[in-house]
Amino acid sequence: MEPCKATNETINVGGTDVQTASGSKTDVTQKRVVKLTAKALAEKLDKLQTDRKAKLNKANVIRKSIRNYMVKNENTGRE
């Protein structure tokens, strides 16, 4: 642990102790967690589902076009 030059604080990055300029140690074990409201969670879920459907539709279009090219390739006798 190295003291910060501006504030003389010592911070243990890997652990949970933080020493302030006054020399007291505080326990920093809990991090802030973003908690979504029910409405925000529902909107996020809807957006994820919409994105998933769009990607699946795009993949289906690509798959169909590849099959069409394969059929055309078989009909022309090329390999």
Protein backbone atom coordinates (compact mmCIF):
# COMPACT_ATOMS: atom_id res chain seq x y z
CA MET A 1 0.00 0.00 0.00
CA GLU A 2 1.31 3.39 -0.98
CA PRO A 3 0.00 6.63 0.45
CA CYS A 4 -1.59 9.07 -1.95
CA LYS A 5 0.58 12.18 -2.13
CA ALA A 6 -2.27 14.70 -2.26
CA THR A 7 -4.42 13.46 0.64
CA ASN A 8 -2.11 11.10 2.52
CA GLU A 9 -4.68 8.28 2.29
CA THR A 10 -3.74 4.63 2.14
CA ILE A 11 -5.99 2.40 0.09
CA ASN A 12 -5.75 -1.38 -0.02
CA VAL A 13 -7.03 -2.25 -3.46
CA GLY A 14 -7.32 -5.99 -2.99
CA GLY A 15 -8.66 -5.89 0.56
CA THR A 16 -11.33 -4.06 2.42
CA ASP A 17 -9.43 -1.58 4.59
CA VAL A 18 -9.17 2.10 3.77
CA GLN A 19 -7.04 4.38 5.91
CA THR A 20 -7.84 8.08 5.82
CA ALA A 21 -5.56 11.02 6.57
CA SER A 22 -6.69 11.01 10.20
CA GLY A 23 -5.40 7.45 10.53
CA SER A 24 -8.75 5.75 11.09
CA LYS A 25 -9.56 2.61 9.16
CA THR A 26 -12.96 1.98 7.68
CA ASP A 27 -14.34 -1.28 6.34
CA VAL A 28 -15.43 -1.03 2.71
CA THR A 29 -16.93 -4.42 1.96
CA GLN A 30 -20.14 -3.46 0.16
CA LYS A 31 -20.17 -2.00 -3.31
CA ARG A 32 -23.02 -0.05 -4.81
CA VAL A 33 -25.39 -2.24 -6.75
CA VAL A 34 -27.78 -0.89 -9.34
CA LYS A 35 -31.27 -2.16 -8.59
CA LEU A 36 -33.74 -1.76 -11.42
CA THR A 37 -37.34 -0.89 -10.78
CA ALA A 38 -40.01 -3.28 -12.05
CA LYS A 39 -40.79 -0.97 -14.97
CA ALA A 40 -37.13 -0.57 -15.94
CA LEU A 41 -36.56 -4.32 -15.70
CA ALA A 42 -39.60 -5.01 -17.91
CA GLU A 43 -38.39 -2.46 -20.48
CA LYS A 44 -34.90 -3.95 -20.49
CA LEU A 45 -36.32 -7.45 -20.95
CA ASP A 46 -38.53 -6.28 -23.83
CA LYS A 47 -35.56 -4.62 -25.53
CA LEU A 48 -33.42 -7.75 -25.15
CA GLN A 49 -36.19 -9.92 -26.59
CA THR A 50 -36.69 -7.53 -29.51
CA ASP A 51 -32.95 -7.51 -30.25
CA ARG A 52 -32.85 -11.32 -30.08
CA LYS A 53 -35.77 -11.65 -32.51
CA ALA A 54 -34.13 -9.22 -34.93
CA LYS A 55 -30.87 -11.17 -34.86
CA LEU A 56 -32.70 -14.48 -35.37
CA ASN A 57 -34.58 -13.06 -38.36
CA LYS A 58 -31.33 -11.80 -39.85
CA ALA A 59 -29.74 -15.23 -39.38
CA ASN A 60 -32.73 -16.92 -41.03
CA VAL A 61 -32.51 -14.60 -44.05
CA ILE A 62 -28.80 -15.35 -44.41
CA ARG A 63 -29.43 -19.10 -44.06
CA LYS A 64 -32.12 -19.02 -46.76
CA SER A 65 -29.93 -17.05 -49.14
CA ILE A 66 -27.07 -19.52 -48.64
CA ARG A 67 -29.43 -22.42 -49.41
CA ASN A 68 -30.58 -20.62 -52.57
CA TYR A 69 -26.97 -20.14 -53.70
CA MET A 70 -26.24 -23.81 -53.00
CA VAL A 71 -29.24 -24.88 -55.09
CA LYS A 72 -28.21 -22.58 -57.95
CA ASN A 73 -24.67 -23.94 -57.74
CA GLU A 74 -25.92 -27.54 -57.97
CA ASN A 75 -28.11 -26.73 -60.98
CA THR A 76 -25.26 -25.16 -62.95
CA GLY A 77 -22.89 -28.09 -62.39
CA ARG A 78 -20.18 -25.95 -60.74
CA GLU A 79 -18.23 -27.12 -57.74
